[in-house]
């Protein structure tokens, strides 16, 4: 048996230190011989129980018996190198040490002295090889299964983490939706409260407007008997027209005593449209007192020094700009004739009265200036005056100038 002599010496040296050495336990020890095949677990071959330290003869027999047991086992296994392990332990199982042994049954033909590190192709060797292969296959399957389980566990762990992140994102989304819903509710509540406040303010403004209209209506009802005399004062005559009835005589006496401050207060009650309407009514009243029909007294209203007062001119212009000129501008743009409808009868009549009371110089100052009208309104005003044939002539200017010169003509005769 190749290698057996070396193994005998190795066993002798190891057992001398363990069995005969100073550290040998007094209660005895146990020797075990294992066969250790490649890729397989170790296999117990034999056990020796030593109750005391043996003498030299017994020790030598024990070494030879251990060596021969391992050599015979290697020979029975056939070709190749077989590995064995000899270990020592106390009777209580405490390990004392071990030594590895290697036996080769024969040499290979391909190389003198080289050993095959596996069993030869004998029946027993093939069985051992099949066992090792089967064990290796099971180990590979086990490793693959463990690897598969590790991959699955990692995937499950990643899935759990992803689920946790998704849940956190979903929770955050729910929180944001809650916050948005809360803010939306707050905005709706604020909008509702603001709407109610605006409704209250609107009701207040409507109530104030109704009250103002009611006061204006009441004032107009109270001032209705005084309209003729009031318009006489407003238009600049400074005196009350001659009374025609006892009631007008009483009203004329009241108006004669009005001061400038009281008259200004009365004018403040009326808006420009109302003042323009009063001017028209005053013209009709004057025509009636002249013994003719409305408009018989002529288009000219009583004026200071031959022209309407500034207040009357301002009120008439504002009314014309508001009621008549926008319609005229649209008609001019469309190329339509300037024929006012019946709905514009009052502003048209006020336009007749106002323009008819102007001299040529006053008319030119009004239409050539940049104070009263913008360009579109100025164009519409001139077109209306030309359409209604109300443009003052130069002779009207001369008549107005003659009436203004003191000490000449009718003026001197009046004195």
Protein backbone atom coordinates (compact mmCIF):
# COMPACT_ATOMS: atom_id res chain seq x y z
CA UNK A 1 0.00 0.00 0.00
CA UNK A 2 1.59 3.20 -1.21
CA UNK A 3 1.86 5.80 1.50
CA UNK A 4 1.14 3.41 4.31
CA UNK A 5 4.56 3.75 5.99
CA UNK A 6 4.33 7.48 6.14
CA UNK A 7 0.78 7.22 7.59
CA UNK A 8 2.05 4.73 10.28
CA UNK A 9 4.72 7.18 11.41
CA UNK A 10 2.17 10.02 11.34
CA UNK A 11 -0.24 8.00 13.51
CA UNK A 12 2.57 7.09 15.90
CA UNK A 13 3.70 10.67 16.39
CA UNK A 14 0.17 11.99 16.88
CA UNK A 15 -0.93 9.26 19.30
CA UNK A 16 2.31 9.62 21.31
CA UNK A 17 1.42 13.23 21.99
CA UNK A 18 -2.24 12.59 22.69
CA UNK A 19 -2.33 9.19 24.40
CA UNK A 20 1.05 9.13 26.13
CA UNK A 21 1.55 12.87 26.58
CA UNK A 22 1.29 14.78 29.87
CA UNK A 23 -2.10 16.25 28.90
CA UNK A 24 -3.74 12.85 28.63
CA UNK A 25 -6.86 12.84 30.87
CA UNK A 26 -6.80 10.50 33.84
CA UNK A 27 -10.35 9.21 33.27
CA UNK A 28 -9.49 7.70 29.88
CA UNK A 29 -10.16 8.73 26.33
CA UNK A 30 -11.83 7.61 23.12
CA UNK A 31 -10.24 7.29 19.63
CA UNK A 32 -12.37 7.45 16.45
CA UNK A 33 -11.33 6.68 12.84
CA UNK A 34 -13.39 8.36 10.04
CA UNK A 35 -13.36 7.90 6.27
CA UNK A 36 -13.72 11.30 4.58
CA UNK A 37 -14.72 10.90 0.89
CA UNK A 38 -14.51 13.84 -1.53
CA UNK A 39 -17.67 15.93 -1.59
CA UNK A 40 -19.42 13.83 1.08
CA UNK A 41 -19.72 13.71 4.83
CA UNK A 42 -17.33 11.72 6.96
CA UNK A 43 -18.06 8.08 7.79
CA UNK A 44 -17.12 6.43 11.12
CA UNK A 45 -15.03 3.24 10.66
CA UNK A 46 -14.01 2.25 14.19
CA UNK A 47 -13.84 3.44 17.80
CA UNK A 48 -11.28 2.53 20.55
CA UNK A 49 -12.04 3.07 24.25
CA UNK A 50 -8.95 3.59 26.49
CA UNK A 51 -9.75 3.56 30.20
CA UNK A 52 -6.10 4.28 31.19
CA UNK A 53 -2.78 5.14 29.66
CA UNK A 54 -1.55 2.00 27.81
CA UNK A 55 1.98 0.59 28.02
CA UNK A 56 4.36 0.50 25.08
CA UNK A 57 3.23 -2.88 23.80
CA UNK A 58 -0.43 -2.01 23.85
CA UNK A 59 0.31 1.42 22.34
CA UNK A 60 2.28 -0.19 19.48
CA UNK A 61 -0.55 -2.63 18.76
CA UNK A 62 -3.04 0.26 18.80
CA UNK A 63 -0.99 2.19 16.22
CA UNK A 64 -0.66 -0.82 13.92
CA UNK A 65 -4.35 -1.67 14.25
CA UNK A 66 -5.38 1.89 13.35
CA UNK A 67 -3.04 1.94 10.34
CA UNK A 68 -4.16 -1.46 9.06
CA UNK A 69 -7.85 -0.55 9.42
CA UNK A 70 -7.43 2.55 7.28
CA UNK A 71 -5.25 0.73 4.71
CA UNK A 72 -7.73 -2.13 4.31
CA UNK A 73 -10.59 0.33 3.84
CA UNK A 74 -8.63 2.20 1.16
CA UNK A 75 -7.77 -1.10 -0.57
CA UNK A 76 -11.41 -2.18 -0.59
CA UNK A 77 -12.50 1.15 -2.12
CA UNK A 78 -10.12 0.53 -5.09
CA UNK A 79 -8.20 3.03 -7.23
CA UNK A 80 -7.42 6.49 -6.04
CA UNK A 81 -6.53 8.23 -2.86
CA UNK A 82 -8.71 7.89 0.24
CA UNK A 83 -8.73 10.32 3.13
CA UNK A 84 -9.23 9.43 6.77
CA UNK A 85 -9.36 11.37 10.01
CA UNK A 86 -8.24 10.05 13.40
CA UNK A 87 -9.61 12.04 16.34
CA UNK A 88 -9.36 11.79 20.13
CA UNK A 89 -11.87 12.96 22.76
CA UNK A 90 -12.57 12.43 26.41
CA UNK A 91 -15.17 9.99 27.65
CA UNK A 92 -17.43 13.06 28.12
CA UNK A 93 -17.12 13.97 24.41
CA UNK A 94 -14.66 16.87 24.75
CA UNK A 95 -12.35 16.90 21.69
CA UNK A 96 -8.63 16.52 22.27
CA UNK A 97 -7.35 16.71 18.67
CA UNK A 98 -7.34 15.04 15.25
CA UNK A 99 -4.96 14.08 12.42
CA UNK A 100 -5.64 13.69 8.68
CA UNK A 101 -4.44 10.52 6.92
CA UNK A 102 -4.21 9.75 3.18
CA UNK A 103 -3.87 6.27 1.62
CA UNK A 104 -3.42 5.39 -2.08
CA UNK A 105 -4.21 1.85 -3.30
CA UNK A 106 -1.99 1.92 -6.45
CA UNK A 107 -0.39 4.18 -9.07
CA UNK A 108 -1.74 5.29 -12.45
CA UNK A 109 -0.26 4.20 -15.75
CA UNK A 110 -0.02 7.75 -17.02
CA UNK A 111 2.41 8.85 -14.34
CA UNK A 112 4.59 6.99 -11.90
CA UNK A 113 3.87 8.02 -8.33
CA UNK A 114 0.87 10.24 -9.18
CA UNK A 115 -2.29 9.52 -7.30
CA UNK A 116 -5.89 9.82 -8.53
CA UNK A 117 -7.79 11.99 -6.10
CA UNK A 118 -10.98 9.96 -6.48
CA UNK A 119 -12.28 6.40 -6.35
CA UNK A 120 -11.43 4.06 -9.27
CA UNK A 121 -14.04 2.76 -11.67
CA UNK A 122 -14.97 -0.28 -9.59
CA UNK A 123 -18.39 -1.28 -8.45
CA UNK A 124 -17.90 0.14 -5.02
CA UNK A 125 -16.20 3.24 -6.44
CA UNK A 126 -19.02 3.84 -8.91
CA UNK A 127 -21.55 3.52 -6.12
CA UNK A 128 -19.55 5.99 -4.05
CA UNK A 129 -19.23 8.31 -7.04
CA UNK A 130 -22.98 8.09 -7.70
CA UNK A 131 -23.60 8.84 -4.06
CA UNK A 132 -21.29 11.83 -4.22
CA UNK A 133 -22.88 13.02 -7.46
CA UNK A 134 -26.34 12.61 -6.01
CA UNK A 135 -25.27 14.46 -2.89
CA UNK A 136 -23.73 17.18 -5.05
CA UNK A 137 -26.90 17.37 -7.15
CA UNK A 138 -29.00 17.73 -4.02
CA UNK A 139 -26.64 20.39 -2.78
CA UNK A 140 -26.89 22.24 -6.10
CA UNK A 141 -30.66 21.96 -6.04
CA UNK A 142 -30.66 23.18 -2.46
CA UNK A 143 -28.37 26.06 -3.34
CA UNK A 144 -30.55 26.96 -6.32
CA UNK A 145 -33.66 26.75 -4.17
CA UNK A 146 -32.02 28.91 -1.50
CA UNK A 147 -30.96 31.39 -4.19
CA UNK A 148 -34.51 31.39 -5.55
CA UNK A 149 -35.89 31.95 -2.07
CA UNK A 150 -33.41 34.77 -1.51
CA UNK A 151 -34.47 36.42 -4.79
CA UNK A 152 -38.15 35.98 -3.92
CA UNK A 153 -37.60 37.37 -0.43
CA UNK A 154 -35.72 40.34 -1.85
CA UNK A 155 -38.51 40.93 -4.34
CA UNK A 156 -41.09 40.74 -1.57
CA UNK A 157 -39.02 43.14 0.53
CA UNK A 158 -38.78 45.57 -2.39
CA UNK A 159 -42.50 45.16 -2.99
CA UNK A 160 -43.21 45.92 0.67
CA UNK A 161 -41.04 49.03 0.46
CA UNK A 162 -42.78 50.12 -2.74
CA UNK A 163 -46.15 49.52 -1.10
CA UNK A 164 -45.06 51.57 1.88
CA UNK A 165 -43.94 54.44 -0.40
CA UNK A 166 -47.18 54.18 -2.39
CA UNK A 167 -49.21 54.22 0.81
CA UNK A 168 -47.28 57.24 2.07
CA UNK A 169 -47.86 59.04 -1.26
CA UNK A 170 -51.54 58.12 -1.16
CA UNK A 171 -51.84 59.37 2.42
CA UNK A 172 -50.15 62.61 1.43
CA UNK A 173 -52.51 62.92 -1.55
CA UNK A 174 -55.48 62.44 0.75
CA UNK A 175 -54.10 65.08 3.09
CA UNK A 176 -53.61 67.51 0.20
CA UNK A 177 -57.13 66.79 -1.05
CA UNK A 178 -58.43 67.47 2.44
CA UNK A 179 -56.50 70.73 2.62
CA UNK A 180 -57.74 71.75 -0.83
CA UNK A 181 -61.32 70.90 0.12
CA UNK A 182 -60.95 72.89 3.33
CA UNK A 183 -59.53 75.90 1.46
CA UNK A 184 -62.25 75.61 -1.15
CA UNK A 185 -64.86 75.58 1.60
CA UNK A 186 -63.23 78.62 3.17
CA UNK A 187 -63.25 80.41 -0.21
CA UNK A 188 -66.90 79.51 -0.72
CA UNK A 189 -67.78 80.74 2.75
CA UNK A 190 -65.81 83.94 2.14
CA UNK A 191 -67.45 84.42 -1.27
CA UNK A 192 -70.88 83.82 0.25
CA UNK A 193 -70.23 86.30 3.05
CA UNK A 194 -68.83 88.79 0.53
CA UNK A 195 -71.90 88.27 -1.64
CA UNK A 196 -74.17 88.94 1.31
CA UNK A 197 -72.18 92.05 2.18
CA UNK A 198 -72.47 93.28 -1.42
CA UNK A 199 -76.19 92.51 -1.39
CA UNK A 200 -76.57 94.49 1.81
CA UNK A 201 -74.58 97.38 0.30
CA UNK A 202 -76.71 97.17 -2.84
CA UNK A 203 -79.89 97.22 -0.79
CA UNK A 204 -78.57 100.23 1.06
CA UNK A 205 -77.70 102.04 -2.17
CA UNK A 206 -81.08 101.15 -3.68
CA UNK A 207 -82.78 102.37 -0.54
CA UNK A 208 -80.77 105.61 -0.68
CA UNK A 209 -81.61 105.99 -4.39
CA UNK A 210 -85.28 105.34 -3.70
CA UNK A 211 -85.18 107.87 -0.90
CA UNK A 212 -83.43 110.40 -3.16
CA UNK A 213 -85.98 109.82 -5.90
CA UNK A 214 -88.77 110.12 -3.38
CA UNK A 215 -87.35 113.41 -2.10
CA UNK A 216 -86.90 114.66 -5.67
CA UNK A 217 -90.47 113.69 -6.50
CA UNK A 218 -91.73 115.37 -3.34
CA UNK A 219 -89.73 118.49 -4.11
CA UNK A 220 -91.08 118.54 -7.66
CA UNK A 221 -94.60 118.17 -6.37
CA UNK A 222 -94.03 121.03 -3.98
CA UNK A 223 -92.29 123.18 -6.63
CA UNK A 224 -94.77 122.49 -9.42
CA UNK A 225 -96.81 125.66 -8.76
CA UNK A 226 -93.59 127.67 -8.69
CA UNK A 227 -92.10 126.39 -11.97
CA UNK A 228 -93.01 129.41 -14.19
CA UNK A 229 -91.72 132.01 -11.77
CA UNK A 230 -88.70 129.84 -10.83
CA UNK A 231 -87.66 129.41 -14.46
CA UNK A 232 -88.03 133.17 -14.98
CA UNK A 233 -85.51 133.69 -12.20
CA UNK A 234 -83.21 130.92 -13.40
CA UNK A 235 -83.19 132.14 -17.01
CA UNK A 236 -82.09 135.56 -15.92
CA UNK A 237 -85.06 137.87 -16.02
CA UNK A 238 -84.76 138.53 -12.35
CA UNK A 239 -88.47 139.25 -12.03
CA UNK A 240 -91.57 137.12 -11.84
CA UNK A 241 -93.91 137.11 -14.86
CA UNK A 242 -97.20 138.80 -14.49
CA UNK A 243 -99.63 136.60 -12.55
CA UNK A 244 -102.69 135.37 -14.36
CA UNK A 245 -104.55 133.70 -11.47
CA UNK A 246 -104.87 134.44 -7.73
CA UNK A 247 -102.78 131.36 -6.99
CA UNK A 248 -100.03 132.53 -9.32
CA UNK A 249 -100.13 135.94 -7.65
CA UNK A 250 -99.44 134.29 -4.28
CA UNK A 251 -96.61 132.21 -5.77
CA UNK A 252 -95.21 135.29 -7.53
CA UNK A 253 -95.12 137.13 -4.23
CA UNK A 254 -93.19 134.21 -2.66
CA UNK A 255 -90.70 134.05 -5.53
CA UNK A 256 -90.11 137.80 -5.45
CA UNK A 257 -88.76 137.37 -1.92
CA UNK A 258 -86.34 134.48 -2.73
CA UNK A 259 -82.67 135.23 -2.20
CA UNK A 260 -79.82 133.99 -4.39
CA UNK A 261 -78.85 131.36 -1.78
CA UNK A 262 -82.41 130.00 -1.65
CA UNK A 263 -82.60 129.94 -5.44
CA UNK A 264 -79.29 128.03 -5.65
CA UNK A 265 -80.64 125.49 -3.14
CA UNK A 266 -83.74 124.95 -5.28
CA UNK A 267 -81.58 124.47 -8.38
CA UNK A 268 -79.49 121.88 -6.49
CA UNK A 269 -82.56 119.69 -6.05
CA UNK A 270 -83.09 119.31 -9.81
CA UNK A 271 -80.82 117.36 -12.18
CA UNK A 272 -79.86 118.74 -15.68
CA UNK A 273 -82.66 116.84 -17.43
CA UNK A 274 -85.28 118.19 -15.05
CA UNK A 275 -83.97 121.75 -15.42
CA UNK A 276 -84.05 121.40 -19.21
CA UNK A 277 -87.64 120.13 -19.03
CA UNK A 278 -88.53 123.08 -16.80
CA UNK A 279 -87.02 125.43 -19.35
CA UNK A 280 -89.24 123.88 -22.03
CA UNK A 281 -92.30 124.19 -19.80
CA UNK A 282 -91.41 127.81 -19.11
CA UNK A 283 -91.27 128.52 -22.86
CA UNK A 284 -94.76 127.04 -23.26
CA UNK A 285 -95.97 129.12 -20.30
CA UNK A 286 -94.57 132.27 -21.86
CA UNK A 287 -96.21 131.44 -25.17
CA UNK A 288 -99.54 130.87 -23.43
CA UNK A 289 -99.29 134.22 -21.61
CA UNK A 290 -98.42 135.90 -24.90
CA UNK A 291 -101.84 134.85 -26.16
CA UNK A 292 -100.67 132.22 -28.64
CA UNK A 293 -100.01 128.53 -28.78
CA UNK A 294 -96.94 126.92 -27.31
CA UNK A 295 -93.93 128.17 -29.25
CA UNK A 296 -95.65 131.40 -30.39
CA UNK A 297 -93.39 133.51 -28.30
CA UNK A 298 -90.50 132.44 -30.56
CA UNK A 299 -87.55 130.23 -29.87
CA UNK A 300 -85.65 132.79 -27.88
CA UNK A 301 -85.87 132.45 -24.10
CA UNK A 302 -85.65 135.52 -21.83
CA UNK A 303 -82.00 136.19 -21.19
CA UNK A 304 -79.69 138.54 -19.45
CA UNK A 305 -78.27 141.05 -21.95
CA UNK A 306 -79.76 139.04 -24.85
CA UNK A 307 -78.30 135.55 -24.02
CA UNK A 308 -79.30 132.62 -21.75
CA UNK A 309 -77.74 132.53 -18.32
CA UNK A 310 -74.66 130.32 -17.78
CA UNK A 311 -76.62 127.90 -15.57
CA UNK A 312 -79.36 127.47 -18.17
CA UNK A 313 -76.84 127.01 -21.02
CA UNK A 314 -74.88 124.39 -19.04
CA UNK A 315 -78.03 122.41 -18.16
CA UNK A 316 -79.31 122.52 -21.75
CA UNK A 317 -75.94 121.41 -23.21
CA UNK A 318 -75.62 118.54 -20.73
CA UNK A 319 -79.12 117.32 -21.52
CA UNK A 320 -78.49 117.53 -25.28
CA UNK A 321 -75.14 115.67 -24.95
CA UNK A 322 -76.74 112.94 -22.89
CA UNK A 323 -80.05 112.41 -24.70
CA UNK A 324 -79.74 113.59 -28.32
CA UNK A 325 -76.14 113.69 -29.53
CA UNK A 326 -75.36 109.92 -29.07
CA UNK A 327 -78.29 109.08 -31.35
CA UNK A 328 -77.18 111.69 -33.88
CA UNK A 329 -73.57 110.36 -33.89
CA UNK A 330 -74.77 106.83 -34.64
CA UNK A 331 -77.04 108.07 -37.45
CA UNK A 332 -74.18 110.04 -39.02
CA UNK A 333 -71.92 106.96 -38.90
CA UNK A 334 -74.61 104.88 -40.60
CA UNK A 335 -75.29 107.61 -43.21
CA UNK A 336 -78.95 107.89 -42.16
CA UNK A 337 -80.99 111.14 -42.14
CA UNK A 338 -81.33 113.00 -38.84
CA UNK A 339 -85.02 112.52 -38.16
CA UNK A 340 -85.47 112.12 -34.36
CA UNK A 341 -88.06 109.56 -33.28
CA UNK A 342 -90.92 110.41 -30.96
CA UNK A 343 -88.91 109.05 -28.00
CA UNK A 344 -86.50 111.97 -28.45
CA UNK A 345 -89.21 114.65 -28.69
CA UNK A 346 -88.25 116.38 -25.44
CA UNK A 347 -84.48 116.62 -26.06
CA UNK A 348 -85.24 117.73 -29.65
CA UNK A 349 -87.47 120.51 -28.38
CA UNK A 350 -84.84 121.59 -25.85
CA UNK A 351 -82.30 121.66 -28.71
CA UNK A 352 -84.65 123.94 -30.69
CA UNK A 353 -85.14 126.25 -27.73
CA UNK A 354 -81.45 126.41 -26.84
CA UNK A 355 -80.03 126.92 -30.34
CA UNK A 356 -82.81 129.30 -31.21
CA UNK A 357 -81.86 131.54 -28.29
CA UNK A 358 -78.21 131.81 -29.41
CA UNK A 359 -76.77 134.65 -31.44
CA UNK A 360 -74.44 134.00 -34.36
CA UNK A 361 -71.42 134.94 -32.25
CA UNK A 362 -72.54 132.66 -29.40
CA UNK A 363 -73.19 129.82 -31.84
CA UNK A 364 -69.74 130.21 -33.41
CA UNK A 365 -68.03 130.31 -30.00
CA UNK A 366 -69.88 127.15 -28.97
CA UNK A 367 -69.15 125.03 -32.07
CA UNK A 368 -65.60 126.32 -32.62
CA UNK A 369 -64.47 125.92 -29.01
CA UNK A 370 -63.08 122.73 -27.40
CA UNK A 371 -64.83 123.00 -24.04
CA UNK A 372 -68.45 121.98 -24.59
CA UNK A 373 -68.12 119.12 -27.12
CA UNK A 374 -65.64 116.60 -28.41
CA UNK A 375 -65.17 116.39 -32.24
CA UNK A 376 -67.88 113.77 -32.80
CA UNK A 377 -70.38 115.63 -30.61
CA UNK A 378 -69.50 118.94 -32.31
CA UNK A 379 -70.12 117.42 -35.76
CA UNK A 380 -73.46 115.99 -34.64
CA UNK A 381 -74.47 119.34 -33.04
CA UNK A 382 -73.73 121.27 -36.27
CA UNK A 383 -75.52 118.67 -38.42
CA UNK A 384 -78.61 118.89 -36.20
CA UNK A 385 -78.58 122.69 -36.29
CA UNK A 386 -78.27 122.65 -40.07
CA UNK A 387 -80.96 119.97 -40.44
CA UNK A 388 -83.42 121.89 -38.26
CA UNK A 389 -82.35 125.19 -39.93
CA UNK A 390 -81.50 126.72 -36.56
CA UNK A 391 -78.09 128.21 -37.45
CA UNK A 392 -78.32 131.87 -36.36
CA UNK A 393 -77.89 134.51 -39.08
CA UNK A 394 -75.62 137.58 -38.95
CA UNK A 395 -78.69 139.92 -38.73
CA UNK A 396 -79.54 138.34 -35.40
CA UNK A 397 -76.13 139.41 -34.10
CA UNK A 398 -76.79 143.02 -35.19
CA UNK A 399 -80.17 143.05 -33.47
CA UNK A 400 -78.65 141.75 -30.25
CA UNK A 401 -75.90 144.40 -30.40
CA UNK A 402 -78.45 147.24 -30.95
CA UNK A 403 -80.41 146.11 -27.90
CA UNK A 404 -77.24 146.21 -25.82
CA UNK A 405 -76.20 149.84 -26.76
CA UNK A 406 -77.54 152.34 -24.15
CA UNK A 407 -79.06 155.65 -25.23
CA UNK A 408 -79.92 154.58 -28.79
CA UNK A 409 -83.03 153.36 -30.49
CA UNK A 410 -85.66 151.66 -28.42
CA UNK A 411 -83.43 151.64 -25.45
CA UNK A 412 -83.43 155.44 -25.30
CA UNK A 413 -87.14 155.55 -25.92
CA UNK A 414 -87.71 153.10 -23.04
CA UNK A 415 -85.86 155.41 -20.73
